[in-house]
Structures are given as structure tokens and as C-alpha cells.
Amino acid sequence: MAIKGGSNYVTDIKTKLSELLTELDKIVTDYDPIMIGECGLDFYWPRKQNFSKQEYDECVGIQRELFEGQIMLAIKHDLPLTVHSRDSLPECLQLLDKHPKAKVVMHSFTGDYGQLLEIRERGHLVGINGIITYSSAKDLRKGLVKYLKDSDIKTPKDLYSQGIVLETDSPFLLPRGSVQKKNQPANIQLIWNEILFLIK
């Protein structure tokens, strides 16, 4: 991750990030999107790379700076923000806490009941996708059932009223039971069916 021999490395990176955020601001202004993201923090992949401590810290620092810039951009344009938080939920929430005006969907949630509550207590939405259909996602399945146990869920709108949104993450995270080889938006039905099965 580090640029060898570059004494102005940090300055160069900060300049580049500023340029990228300025460019993103222009794109948002010109094309009027419906959401900013997916953005956020991912500590899983840097750990998989066997980075040195310095390289890891630099990678995480760059991610934090870029993510905070995107949060501020979403607030500026009054757009929701979809947040990736792989192995980094506490750090993502800490940054989001600094910007309470942000409208947030925590994308591809895989956590437990306690983490779900942490997100919902802040008013953020929780994105549930095909992972909910995996028997290996025990914490997620138990946590969602516990969270929804006193709710009368009959439609996806009822689910939304509890701060839960359905998503597919197409073309990835194919739900169990899909006949397709790649995920697609139509599979939202399988995700919804699984939630109904779990909470009945």
C-alpha cells in the first residue's frame, strides 16, 4: 500500500482523495443519482493481504478519509448513503455518529441482535440480502427473529416500518433456492420468503 521512496506520500494521497471527492461531487450534481455508495470501511481484505502494520494503517486511514468525504457528500446532496462495513461496524458507526444528518442503509448486514440494535438505535436502516437464507448465518437469523418477534410483519412495507430493507447485492450473494447462477433483483422474493418463514 505504501509508495516506496515517496517523502510526500501522505500529502499526495490527501490531494488525490480531495480530487476524487470533487469529481464525485460533480458527478452527483450532473447525474442526480438516488443514493451515494456503496461506500464505507472494509478491514477484512487489508488483513488478508498480510500488510505490514504501516501499510495496514495507511490503508485504513485512506478508507476513513474517503468514507467521511462520501458521508459529507451525501448530506450536502440530501441523498441516502449505503454503507459497507465488513469487519468494521464499530468504526463505521463511530464515523457516522459524527454526522447525524446522514440517512444511512447498513448494506449486507451479517451481524447479531446486539449489532442490529446498535444500528437501529441510531435511526439507520438495515439491509438484509441472500445471506439470510444461509443456514451458516446463525447469528444473523437469530438476531433478526429476535428483533422482529413482537412485530406484525405481513408485507415488505411492514418490514420497512421496522427499519429493515431487502436487497440482493446482485450479481453476488445468491440466495439459497435460486435457480440462477448469478443473483438478480427478482431474487428479492426468495429473501422475503425466508424472512417470513423465520418469523412465522
N, C-alpha and C. Protein backbone atom coordinates (compact mmCIF):
# COMPACT_ATOMS: atom_id res chain seq x y z
N MET A 1 0.83 -1.20 0.00
CA MET A 1 0.00 0.00 0.00
C MET A 1 0.87 1.26 0.00
N ALA A 2 1.97 1.19 0.70
CA ALA A 2 2.84 2.37 0.78
C ALA A 2 3.58 2.58 -0.52
N ILE A 3 3.84 3.82 -0.85
CA ILE A 3 4.64 4.16 -2.02
C ILE A 3 6.07 4.34 -1.56
N LYS A 4 6.94 3.44 -1.98
CA LYS A 4 8.31 3.45 -1.51
C LYS A 4 9.06 4.68 -2.02
N GLY A 5 9.83 5.25 -1.13
CA GLY A 5 10.68 6.37 -1.53
C GLY A 5 9.96 7.68 -1.72
N GLY A 6 8.69 7.73 -1.38
CA GLY A 6 7.93 8.97 -1.58
C GLY A 6 7.80 9.75 -0.29
N SER A 7 8.57 10.76 -0.11
CA SER A 7 8.53 11.52 1.14
C SER A 7 7.23 12.32 1.25
N ASN A 8 6.59 12.58 0.13
CA ASN A 8 5.33 13.34 0.15
C ASN A 8 4.12 12.42 0.01
N TYR A 9 4.29 11.16 0.44
CA TYR A 9 3.24 10.16 0.25
C TYR A 9 1.90 10.59 0.82
N VAL A 10 1.88 10.99 2.08
CA VAL A 10 0.62 11.35 2.73
C VAL A 10 -0.01 12.56 2.04
N THR A 11 0.80 13.56 1.72
CA THR A 11 0.30 14.74 1.02
C THR A 11 -0.28 14.37 -0.33
N ASP A 12 0.43 13.49 -1.06
CA ASP A 12 -0.03 13.06 -2.38
C ASP A 12 -1.38 12.34 -2.29
N ILE A 13 -1.52 11.46 -1.30
CA ILE A 13 -2.76 10.72 -1.13
C ILE A 13 -3.91 11.67 -0.77
N LYS A 14 -3.67 12.59 0.15
CA LYS A 14 -4.71 13.53 0.56
C LYS A 14 -5.16 14.38 -0.63
N THR A 15 -4.21 14.80 -1.45
CA THR A 15 -4.54 15.58 -2.64
C THR A 15 -5.39 14.76 -3.59
N LYS A 16 -5.00 13.50 -3.81
CA LYS A 16 -5.74 12.63 -4.73
C LYS A 16 -7.15 12.37 -4.21
N LEU A 17 -7.29 12.12 -2.90
CA LEU A 17 -8.62 11.90 -2.33
C LEU A 17 -9.50 13.12 -2.50
N SER A 18 -8.92 14.29 -2.28
CA SER A 18 -9.67 15.53 -2.45
C SER A 18 -10.15 15.69 -3.89
N GLU A 19 -9.27 15.35 -4.84
CA GLU A 19 -9.63 15.43 -6.26
C GLU A 19 -10.75 14.45 -6.60
N LEU A 20 -10.65 13.24 -6.05
CA LEU A 20 -11.67 12.22 -6.32
C LEU A 20 -13.03 12.63 -5.75
N LEU A 21 -13.02 13.20 -4.55
CA LEU A 21 -14.28 13.63 -3.94
C LEU A 21 -14.89 14.82 -4.69
N THR A 22 -14.03 15.70 -5.20
CA THR A 22 -14.52 16.82 -6.01
C THR A 22 -15.15 16.30 -7.30
N GLU A 23 -14.50 15.29 -7.90
CA GLU A 23 -15.03 14.69 -9.12
C GLU A 23 -16.36 13.98 -8.84
N LEU A 24 -16.44 13.29 -7.71
CA LEU A 24 -17.68 12.61 -7.34
C LEU A 24 -18.79 13.62 -7.09
N ASP A 25 -18.47 14.73 -6.47
CA ASP A 25 -19.45 15.79 -6.23
C ASP A 25 -20.02 16.28 -7.56
N LYS A 26 -19.16 16.45 -8.55
CA LYS A 26 -19.61 16.91 -9.87
C LYS A 26 -20.51 15.86 -10.54
N ILE A 27 -20.14 14.58 -10.40
CA ILE A 27 -20.96 13.52 -10.98
C ILE A 27 -22.35 13.51 -10.35
N VAL A 28 -22.40 13.65 -9.03
CA VAL A 28 -23.69 13.66 -8.33
C VAL A 28 -24.52 14.86 -8.80
N THR A 29 -23.89 16.00 -8.94
CA THR A 29 -24.59 17.22 -9.39
C THR A 29 -25.12 17.04 -10.81
N ASP A 30 -24.30 16.46 -11.68
CA ASP A 30 -24.66 16.34 -13.10
C ASP A 30 -25.69 15.25 -13.37
N TYR A 31 -25.63 14.14 -12.61
CA TYR A 31 -26.44 12.98 -12.96
C TYR A 31 -27.59 12.68 -12.00
N ASP A 32 -27.67 13.39 -10.89
CA ASP A 32 -28.81 13.29 -9.97
C ASP A 32 -29.13 11.83 -9.58
N PRO A 33 -28.19 11.14 -8.93
CA PRO A 33 -28.44 9.75 -8.53
C PRO A 33 -29.43 9.67 -7.38
N ILE A 34 -29.80 8.44 -7.01
CA ILE A 34 -30.76 8.26 -5.92
C ILE A 34 -30.07 7.91 -4.60
N MET A 35 -28.77 7.64 -4.65
CA MET A 35 -28.06 7.21 -3.44
C MET A 35 -26.56 7.37 -3.63
N ILE A 36 -25.83 7.56 -2.53
CA ILE A 36 -24.37 7.56 -2.56
C ILE A 36 -23.89 6.21 -2.03
N GLY A 37 -22.97 5.59 -2.73
CA GLY A 37 -22.40 4.33 -2.26
C GLY A 37 -22.55 3.26 -3.33
N GLU A 38 -22.23 2.11 -2.97
CA GLU A 38 -21.80 1.57 -1.70
C GLU A 38 -20.43 2.10 -1.31
N CYS A 39 -20.33 2.55 -0.08
CA CYS A 39 -19.06 3.04 0.43
C CYS A 39 -18.95 2.62 1.89
N GLY A 40 -17.82 2.89 2.51
CA GLY A 40 -17.67 2.51 3.90
C GLY A 40 -16.27 2.07 4.23
N LEU A 41 -16.15 1.11 5.12
CA LEU A 41 -14.86 0.60 5.57
C LEU A 41 -14.84 -0.91 5.45
N ASP A 42 -13.71 -1.44 5.00
CA ASP A 42 -13.53 -2.88 4.89
C ASP A 42 -12.18 -3.24 5.50
N PHE A 43 -12.20 -3.86 6.66
CA PHE A 43 -10.95 -4.26 7.31
C PHE A 43 -10.61 -5.73 7.03
N TYR A 44 -11.53 -6.45 6.40
CA TYR A 44 -11.31 -7.86 6.09
C TYR A 44 -10.19 -8.03 5.06
N TRP A 45 -10.32 -7.31 3.93
CA TRP A 45 -9.36 -7.51 2.85
C TRP A 45 -7.95 -7.01 3.19
N PRO A 46 -7.79 -5.87 3.85
CA PRO A 46 -6.43 -5.48 4.24
C PRO A 46 -5.75 -6.52 5.14
N ARG A 47 -6.53 -7.16 6.02
CA ARG A 47 -5.96 -8.20 6.88
C ARG A 47 -5.54 -9.42 6.07
N LYS A 48 -6.30 -9.71 5.01
CA LYS A 48 -5.99 -10.87 4.16
C LYS A 48 -4.71 -10.66 3.34
N GLN A 49 -4.29 -9.40 3.17
CA GLN A 49 -3.14 -9.09 2.32
C GLN A 49 -1.80 -9.23 3.03
N ASN A 50 -1.83 -9.53 4.32
CA ASN A 50 -0.59 -9.62 5.10
C ASN A 50 0.23 -8.33 5.02
N PHE A 51 -0.46 -7.21 5.08
CA PHE A 51 0.22 -5.92 5.09
C PHE A 51 1.07 -5.78 6.35
N SER A 52 2.11 -4.98 6.25
CA SER A 52 2.82 -4.56 7.46
C SER A 52 1.88 -3.65 8.25
N LYS A 53 2.23 -3.38 9.50
CA LYS A 53 1.39 -2.50 10.32
C LYS A 53 1.26 -1.13 9.66
N GLN A 54 2.38 -0.63 9.11
CA GLN A 54 2.34 0.68 8.46
C GLN A 54 1.41 0.68 7.26
N GLU A 55 1.52 -0.36 6.44
CA GLU A 55 0.66 -0.46 5.25
C GLU A 55 -0.81 -0.60 5.63
N TYR A 56 -1.06 -1.42 6.65
CA TYR A 56 -2.44 -1.60 7.11
C TYR A 56 -3.01 -0.27 7.62
N ASP A 57 -2.23 0.44 8.45
CA ASP A 57 -2.70 1.71 8.99
C ASP A 57 -2.94 2.74 7.89
N GLU A 58 -2.08 2.73 6.88
CA GLU A 58 -2.26 3.66 5.75
C GLU A 58 -3.54 3.33 4.98
N CYS A 59 -3.77 2.04 4.75
CA CYS A 59 -4.96 1.60 4.02
C CYS A 59 -6.22 2.01 4.78
N VAL A 60 -6.25 1.74 6.07
CA VAL A 60 -7.41 2.08 6.89
C VAL A 60 -7.61 3.60 6.94
N GLY A 61 -6.51 4.34 7.05
CA GLY A 61 -6.60 5.80 7.08
C GLY A 61 -7.20 6.37 5.80
N ILE A 62 -6.78 5.81 4.68
CA ILE A 62 -7.31 6.25 3.38
C ILE A 62 -8.81 5.94 3.30
N GLN A 63 -9.17 4.73 3.73
CA GLN A 63 -10.59 4.36 3.71
C GLN A 63 -11.42 5.32 4.57
N ARG A 64 -10.93 5.62 5.77
CA ARG A 64 -11.66 6.51 6.67
C ARG A 64 -11.87 7.88 6.04
N GLU A 65 -10.81 8.42 5.45
CA GLU A 65 -10.89 9.76 4.87
C GLU A 65 -11.87 9.79 3.70
N LEU A 66 -11.79 8.77 2.86
CA LEU A 66 -12.69 8.72 1.71
C LEU A 66 -14.14 8.51 2.15
N PHE A 67 -14.34 7.65 3.13
CA PHE A 67 -15.69 7.39 3.62
C PHE A 67 -16.30 8.65 4.24
N GLU A 68 -15.52 9.34 5.04
CA GLU A 68 -16.06 10.56 5.66
C GLU A 68 -16.40 11.60 4.60
N GLY A 69 -15.58 11.68 3.55
CA GLY A 69 -15.89 12.59 2.45
C GLY A 69 -17.19 12.23 1.77
N GLN A 70 -17.44 10.94 1.61
CA GLN A 70 -18.68 10.50 0.97
C GLN A 70 -19.89 10.73 1.87
N ILE A 71 -19.70 10.58 3.18
CA ILE A 71 -20.79 10.90 4.12
C ILE A 71 -21.18 12.36 3.96
N MET A 72 -20.19 13.24 3.94
CA MET A 72 -20.45 14.67 3.83
C MET A 72 -21.09 15.01 2.48
N LEU A 73 -20.69 14.29 1.44
CA LEU A 73 -21.28 14.49 0.12
C LEU A 73 -22.75 14.09 0.12
N ALA A 74 -23.06 12.98 0.77
CA ALA A 74 -24.46 12.53 0.85
C ALA A 74 -25.31 13.56 1.59
N ILE A 75 -24.77 14.11 2.67
CA ILE A 75 -25.51 15.13 3.42
C ILE A 75 -25.70 16.38 2.57
N LYS A 76 -24.65 16.80 1.89
CA LYS A 76 -24.72 18.00 1.05
C LYS A 76 -25.83 17.88 0.00
N HIS A 77 -25.95 16.69 -0.60
CA HIS A 77 -26.93 16.49 -1.68
C HIS A 77 -28.24 15.87 -1.17
N ASP A 78 -28.35 15.73 0.14
CA ASP A 78 -29.56 15.16 0.76
C ASP A 78 -29.92 13.81 0.13
N LEU A 79 -28.90 12.94 0.06
CA LEU A 79 -29.08 11.61 -0.50
C LEU A 79 -28.80 10.55 0.56
N PRO A 80 -29.51 9.40 0.49
CA PRO A 80 -29.16 8.31 1.39
C PRO A 80 -27.78 7.75 1.05
N LEU A 81 -27.22 7.08 2.02
CA LEU A 81 -25.87 6.53 1.91
C LEU A 81 -25.96 5.03 2.19
N THR A 82 -25.45 4.19 1.28
CA THR A 82 -25.43 2.76 1.55
C THR A 82 -24.03 2.37 1.97
N VAL A 83 -23.92 1.75 3.14
CA VAL A 83 -22.63 1.60 3.81
C VAL A 83 -22.20 0.14 3.91
N HIS A 84 -20.99 -0.12 3.42
CA HIS A 84 -20.31 -1.41 3.52
C HIS A 84 -19.49 -1.39 4.81
N SER A 85 -19.64 -2.41 5.66
CA SER A 85 -18.95 -2.39 6.95
C SER A 85 -18.37 -3.75 7.31
N ARG A 86 -17.60 -4.32 6.40
CA ARG A 86 -17.07 -5.67 6.65
C ARG A 86 -15.97 -5.63 7.71
N ASP A 87 -16.18 -6.32 8.79
CA ASP A 87 -15.25 -6.36 9.93
C ASP A 87 -14.94 -4.97 10.46
N SER A 88 -15.88 -4.05 10.32
CA SER A 88 -15.60 -2.66 10.70
C SER A 88 -16.84 -1.92 11.20
N LEU A 89 -17.85 -2.65 11.67
CA LEU A 89 -19.09 -1.98 12.06
C LEU A 89 -18.88 -0.92 13.16
N PRO A 90 -18.15 -1.21 14.24
CA PRO A 90 -17.97 -0.16 15.26
C PRO A 90 -17.32 1.10 14.71
N GLU A 91 -16.33 0.91 13.84
CA GLU A 91 -15.63 2.07 13.27
C GLU A 91 -16.54 2.85 12.31
N CYS A 92 -17.36 2.14 11.54
CA CYS A 92 -18.31 2.81 10.65
C CYS A 92 -19.32 3.63 11.46
N LEU A 93 -19.86 3.02 12.50
CA LEU A 93 -20.84 3.72 13.32
C LEU A 93 -20.22 4.93 14.02
N GLN A 94 -18.97 4.80 14.43
CA GLN A 94 -18.27 5.91 15.07
C GLN A 94 -18.15 7.10 14.13
N LEU A 95 -17.80 6.83 12.86
CA LEU A 95 -17.72 7.92 11.89
C LEU A 95 -19.09 8.50 11.58
N LEU A 96 -20.08 7.64 11.44
CA LEU A 96 -21.44 8.11 11.15
C LEU A 96 -22.00 8.93 12.31
N ASP A 97 -21.61 8.59 13.53
CA ASP A 97 -22.07 9.34 14.70
C ASP A 97 -21.65 10.80 14.63
N LYS A 98 -20.57 11.09 13.93
CA LYS A 98 -20.10 12.46 13.79
C LYS A 98 -20.98 13.26 12.83
N HIS A 99 -21.82 12.55 12.07
CA HIS A 99 -22.65 13.18 11.04
C HIS A 99 -24.10 12.70 11.18
N PRO A 100 -24.79 13.14 12.23
CA PRO A 100 -26.14 12.63 12.50
C PRO A 100 -27.18 12.95 11.43
N LYS A 101 -26.87 13.87 10.52
CA LYS A 101 -27.84 14.19 9.46
C LYS A 101 -27.81 13.16 8.33
N ALA A 102 -26.83 12.27 8.33
CA ALA A 102 -26.73 11.27 7.26
C ALA A 102 -27.89 10.29 7.34
N LYS A 103 -28.47 9.97 6.17
CA LYS A 103 -29.53 8.96 6.06
C LYS A 103 -28.87 7.68 5.56
N VAL A 104 -28.86 6.65 6.40
CA VAL A 104 -27.97 5.51 6.18
C VAL A 104 -28.71 4.18 6.05
N VAL A 105 -28.26 3.37 5.08
CA VAL A 105 -28.62 1.96 5.00
C VAL A 105 -27.33 1.16 5.23
N MET A 106 -27.31 0.35 6.28
CA MET A 106 -26.16 -0.53 6.52
C MET A 106 -26.33 -1.75 5.63
N HIS A 107 -25.57 -1.76 4.55
CA HIS A 107 -25.69 -2.76 3.49
C HIS A 107 -25.19 -4.13 3.92
N SER A 108 -25.87 -5.17 3.45
CA SER A 108 -25.42 -6.56 3.61
C SER A 108 -25.11 -6.88 5.07
N PHE A 109 -26.06 -6.59 5.93
CA PHE A 109 -25.85 -6.81 7.36
C PHE A 109 -25.72 -8.30 7.64
N THR A 110 -24.70 -8.67 8.43
CA THR A 110 -24.46 -10.07 8.78
C THR A 110 -24.27 -10.25 10.29
N GLY A 111 -24.55 -9.21 11.05
CA GLY A 111 -24.25 -9.23 12.48
C GLY A 111 -25.32 -9.91 13.32
N ASP A 112 -25.20 -9.68 14.61
CA ASP A 112 -26.11 -10.31 15.57
C ASP A 112 -27.15 -9.30 16.07
N TYR A 113 -27.95 -9.74 17.03
CA TYR A 113 -29.03 -8.92 17.57
C TYR A 113 -28.50 -7.62 18.18
N GLY A 114 -27.44 -7.71 18.95
CA GLY A 114 -26.88 -6.52 19.58
C GLY A 114 -26.42 -5.49 18.57
N GLN A 115 -25.77 -5.95 17.51
CA GLN A 115 -25.31 -5.03 16.47
C GLN A 115 -26.49 -4.42 15.72
N LEU A 116 -27.51 -5.23 15.49
CA LEU A 116 -28.71 -4.73 14.82
C LEU A 116 -29.33 -3.61 15.65
N LEU A 117 -29.40 -3.81 16.96
CA LEU A 117 -29.94 -2.77 17.84
C LEU A 117 -29.09 -1.50 17.80
N GLU A 118 -27.77 -1.67 17.80
CA GLU A 118 -26.87 -0.51 17.73
C GLU A 118 -27.17 0.34 16.50
N ILE A 119 -27.40 -0.32 15.39
CA ILE A 119 -27.69 0.38 14.14
C ILE A 119 -29.05 1.07 14.22
N ARG A 120 -30.05 0.32 14.66
CA ARG A 120 -31.41 0.86 14.70
C ARG A 120 -31.56 1.98 15.73
N GLU A 121 -30.85 1.90 16.84
CA GLU A 121 -30.93 2.97 17.84
C GLU A 121 -30.43 4.30 17.29
N ARG A 122 -29.63 4.25 16.28
CA ARG A 122 -29.13 5.46 15.62
C ARG A 122 -30.07 5.93 14.51
N GLY A 123 -31.10 5.14 14.23
CA GLY A 123 -32.04 5.51 13.18
C GLY A 123 -31.65 5.05 11.79
N HIS A 124 -30.57 4.26 11.70
CA HIS A 124 -30.14 3.76 10.39
C HIS A 124 -30.99 2.55 9.99
N LEU A 125 -31.12 2.34 8.69
CA LEU A 125 -31.80 1.16 8.16
C LEU A 125 -30.80 0.01 8.04
N VAL A 126 -31.33 -1.21 8.04
CA VAL A 126 -30.51 -2.42 7.96
C VAL A 126 -30.88 -3.17 6.69
N GLY A 127 -29.89 -3.42 5.84
CA GLY A 127 -30.10 -4.13 4.58
C GLY A 127 -29.91 -5.63 4.76
N ILE A 128 -30.94 -6.40 4.43
CA ILE A 128 -30.88 -7.87 4.53
C ILE A 128 -30.94 -8.44 3.12
N ASN A 129 -29.97 -9.31 2.80
CA ASN A 129 -29.94 -9.90 1.46
C ASN A 129 -29.90 -11.42 1.53
N GLY A 130 -29.39 -12.06 0.48
CA GLY A 130 -29.42 -13.51 0.38
C GLY A 130 -28.73 -14.25 1.50
N ILE A 131 -27.86 -13.59 2.24
CA ILE A 131 -27.17 -14.25 3.35
C ILE A 131 -28.16 -14.78 4.38
N ILE A 132 -29.32 -14.15 4.49
CA ILE A 132 -30.32 -14.60 5.47
C ILE A 132 -30.81 -16.01 5.15
N THR A 133 -30.63 -16.47 3.91
CA THR A 133 -31.08 -17.81 3.53
C THR A 133 -30.03 -18.88 3.84
N TYR A 134 -28.84 -18.48 4.28
CA TYR A 134 -27.76 -19.44 4.55
C TYR A 134 -27.88 -19.97 5.98
N SER A 135 -27.92 -21.27 6.14
CA SER A 135 -28.00 -21.85 7.48
C SER A 135 -26.78 -21.51 8.31
N SER A 136 -25.66 -21.20 7.66
CA SER A 136 -24.43 -20.83 8.38
C SER A 136 -24.53 -19.45 9.03
N ALA A 137 -25.51 -18.63 8.61
CA ALA A 137 -25.65 -17.27 9.14
C ALA A 137 -26.51 -17.29 10.41
N LYS A 138 -26.08 -18.10 11.37
CA LYS A 138 -26.89 -18.33 12.57
C LYS A 138 -27.15 -17.06 13.37
N ASP A 139 -26.12 -16.25 13.60
CA ASP A 139 -26.29 -15.03 14.39
C ASP A 139 -27.25 -14.06 13.73
N LEU A 140 -27.12 -13.92 12.42
CA LEU A 140 -28.00 -13.04 11.66
C LEU A 140 -29.45 -13.52 11.75
N ARG A 141 -29.66 -14.79 11.53
CA ARG A 141 -31.01 -15.34 11.52
C ARG A 141 -31.67 -15.23 12.90
N LYS A 142 -30.92 -15.60 13.94
CA LYS A 142 -31.46 -15.50 15.30
C LYS A 142 -31.71 -14.04 15.69
N GLY A 143 -30.76 -13.18 15.32
CA GLY A 143 -30.89 -11.77 15.67
C GLY A 143 -32.08 -11.10 15.02
N LEU A 144 -32.32 -11.41 13.75
CA LEU A 144 -33.45 -10.81 13.04
C LEU A 144 -34.77 -11.31 13.62
N VAL A 145 -34.83 -12.60 13.90
CA VAL A 145 -36.05 -13.16 14.50
C VAL A 145 -36.33 -12.49 15.85
N LYS A 146 -35.31 -12.34 16.67
CA LYS A 146 -35.49 -11.71 17.99
C LYS A 146 -35.93 -10.26 17.84
N TYR A 147 -35.35 -9.57 16.89
CA TYR A 147 -35.68 -8.16 16.67
C TYR A 147 -37.13 -7.99 16.22
N LEU A 148 -37.61 -8.92 15.40
CA LEU A 148 -38.95 -8.79 14.82
C LEU A 148 -40.02 -9.54 15.60
N LYS A 149 -39.67 -10.16 16.72
CA LYS A 149 -40.60 -11.08 17.40
C LYS A 149 -41.92 -10.44 17.80
N ASP A 150 -41.93 -9.17 18.14
CA ASP A 150 -43.19 -8.53 18.57
C ASP A 150 -43.83 -7.68 17.47
N SER A 151 -43.33 -7.83 16.26
CA SER A 151 -43.85 -7.03 15.14
C SER A 151 -44.82 -7.85 14.31
N ASP A 152 -45.81 -7.18 13.75
CA ASP A 152 -46.78 -7.84 12.89
C ASP A 152 -46.33 -7.64 11.44
N ILE A 153 -45.55 -8.59 10.93
CA ILE A 153 -44.97 -8.45 9.60
C ILE A 153 -45.77 -9.28 8.59
N LYS A 154 -46.44 -8.57 7.69
CA LYS A 154 -47.20 -9.27 6.64
C LYS A 154 -46.73 -8.87 5.24
N THR A 155 -46.12 -7.69 5.13
CA THR A 155 -45.66 -7.20 3.83
C THR A 155 -44.26 -6.60 3.98
N PRO A 156 -43.55 -6.44 2.86
CA PRO A 156 -42.25 -5.76 2.95
C PRO A 156 -42.36 -4.34 3.52
N LYS A 157 -43.51 -3.71 3.32
CA LYS A 157 -43.71 -2.38 3.91
C LYS A 157 -43.70 -2.45 5.43
N ASP A 158 -44.26 -3.52 6.00
CA ASP A 158 -44.22 -3.72 7.45
C ASP A 158 -42.77 -3.88 7.92
N LEU A 159 -41.99 -4.59 7.12
CA LEU A 159 -40.57 -4.79 7.44
C LEU A 159 -39.84 -3.44 7.44
N TYR A 160 -40.14 -2.65 6.43
CA TYR A 160 -39.53 -1.31 6.32
C TYR A 160 -39.89 -0.45 7.53
N SER A 161 -41.10 -0.59 8.02
CA SER A 161 -41.52 0.21 9.17
C SER A 161 -40.70 -0.14 10.43
N GLN A 162 -40.05 -1.30 10.40
CA GLN A 162 -39.17 -1.72 11.50
C GLN A 162 -37.70 -1.43 11.19
N GLY A 163 -37.46 -0.71 10.09
CA GLY A 163 -36.09 -0.31 9.74
C GLY A 163 -35.30 -1.35 8.99
N ILE A 164 -36.00 -2.35 8.41
CA ILE A 164 -35.33 -3.41 7.66
C ILE A 164 -35.68 -3.25 6.18
N VAL A 165 -34.66 -3.24 5.32
CA VAL A 165 -34.90 -3.18 3.88
C VAL A 165 -34.32 -4.43 3.23
N LEU A 166 -34.95 -4.85 2.13
CA LEU A 166 -34.49 -6.02 1.38
C LEU A 166 -33.58 -5.58 0.25
N GLU A 167 -32.53 -6.35 0.01
CA GLU A 167 -31.59 -6.06 -1.07
C GLU A 167 -31.03 -7.37 -1.60
N THR A 168 -30.47 -7.34 -2.80
CA THR A 168 -29.93 -8.58 -3.36
C THR A 168 -28.40 -8.60 -3.42
N ASP A 169 -27.76 -7.45 -3.59
CA ASP A 169 -26.31 -7.40 -3.85
C ASP A 169 -25.98 -8.11 -5.15
N SER A 170 -26.87 -8.02 -6.13
CA SER A 170 -26.63 -8.65 -7.44
C SER A 170 -25.32 -8.12 -8.03
N PRO A 171 -24.55 -8.99 -8.69
CA PRO A 171 -24.83 -10.40 -9.01
C PRO A 171 -24.28 -11.39 -7.96
N PHE A 172 -23.95 -10.88 -6.76
CA PHE A 172 -23.35 -11.73 -5.73
C PHE A 172 -24.38 -12.21 -4.71
N LEU A 173 -23.92 -13.02 -3.75
CA LEU A 173 -24.72 -13.48 -2.61
C LEU A 173 -26.05 -14.09 -3.04
N LEU A 174 -25.96 -15.03 -3.93
CA LEU A 174 -27.13 -15.73 -4.45
C LEU A 174 -27.89 -16.40 -3.32
N PRO A 175 -29.20 -16.13 -3.17
CA PRO A 175 -29.96 -16.78 -2.10
C PRO A 175 -30.08 -18.29 -2.33
N ARG A 176 -30.14 -19.01 -1.24
CA ARG A 176 -30.41 -20.45 -1.32
C ARG A 176 -31.77 -20.65 -1.98
N GLY A 177 -31.84 -21.59 -2.91
CA GLY A 177 -33.10 -21.87 -3.61
C GLY A 177 -33.21 -21.20 -4.96
N SER A 178 -32.24 -20.34 -5.30
CA SER A 178 -32.29 -19.67 -6.61
C SER A 178 -31.91 -20.65 -7.71
N VAL A 179 -32.57 -20.55 -8.85
CA VAL A 179 -32.23 -21.40 -10.00
C VAL A 179 -31.21 -20.72 -10.91
N GLN A 180 -30.95 -19.46 -10.67
CA GLN A 180 -29.98 -18.74 -11.49
C GLN A 180 -28.55 -19.01 -10.98
N LYS A 181 -27.58 -18.79 -11.85
CA LYS A 181 -26.17 -18.91 -11.45
C LYS A 181 -25.65 -17.60 -10.91
N LYS A 182 -26.26 -16.49 -11.32
CA LYS A 182 -25.89 -15.17 -10.81
C LYS A 182 -27.12 -14.54 -10.18
N ASN A 183 -26.89 -13.83 -9.11
CA ASN A 183 -28.00 -13.18 -8.41
C ASN A 183 -28.63 -12.11 -9.30
N GLN A 184 -29.90 -11.83 -9.07
CA GLN A 184 -30.60 -10.80 -9.80
C GLN A 184 -31.72 -10.24 -8.93
N PRO A 185 -32.22 -9.03 -9.25
CA PRO A 185 -33.25 -8.40 -8.41
C PRO A 185 -34.48 -9.26 -8.15
N ALA A 186 -34.85 -10.12 -9.10
CA ALA A 186 -36.03 -10.97 -8.91
C ALA A 186 -35.91 -11.86 -7.67
N ASN A 187 -34.67 -12.11 -7.23
CA ASN A 187 -34.46 -12.98 -6.07
C ASN A 187 -34.84 -12.33 -4.75
N ILE A 188 -35.25 -11.08 -4.81
CA ILE A 188 -35.73 -10.42 -3.58
C ILE A 188 -36.89 -11.22 -3.00
N GLN A 189 -37.65 -11.89 -3.86
CA GLN A 189 -38.78 -12.70 -3.39
C GLN A 189 -38.30 -13.84 -2.49
N LEU A 190 -37.17 -14.46 -2.84
CA LEU A 190 -36.64 -15.56 -2.03
C LEU A 190 -36.19 -15.06 -0.66
N ILE A 191 -35.63 -13.87 -0.63
CA ILE A 191 -35.19 -13.27 0.64
C ILE A 191 -36.40 -12.97 1.52
N TRP A 192 -37.42 -12.39 0.91
CA TRP A 192 -38.65 -12.08 1.64
C TRP A 192 -39.31 -13.37 2.16
N ASN A 193 -39.36 -14.39 1.31
CA ASN A 193 -39.95 -15.66 1.72
C ASN A 193 -39.22 -16.26 2.92
N GLU A 194 -37.90 -16.16 2.91
CA GLU A 194 -37.10 -16.71 4.01
C GLU A 194 -37.37 -15.98 5.31
N ILE A 195 -37.49 -14.67 5.24
CA ILE A 195 -37.79 -13.89 6.45
C ILE A 195 -39.16 -14.28 6.99
N LEU A 196 -40.15 -14.41 6.12
CA LEU A 196 -41.48 -14.84 6.56
C LEU A 196 -41.43 -16.21 7.22
N PHE A 197 -40.64 -17.12 6.63
CA PHE A 197 -40.50 -18.46 7.19
C PHE A 197 -39.87 -18.41 8.58
N LEU A 198 -38.85 -17.59 8.74
CA LEU A 198 -38.14 -17.49 10.02
C LEU A 198 -39.00 -16.92 11.13
N ILE A 199 -39.84 -15.96 10.80
CA ILE A 199 -40.58 -15.25 11.86
C ILE A 199 -41.98 -15.80 12.11
N LYS A 200 -42.39 -16.80 11.32
CA LYS A 200 -43.77 -17.30 11.49
C LYS A 200 -43.95 -18.04 12.82
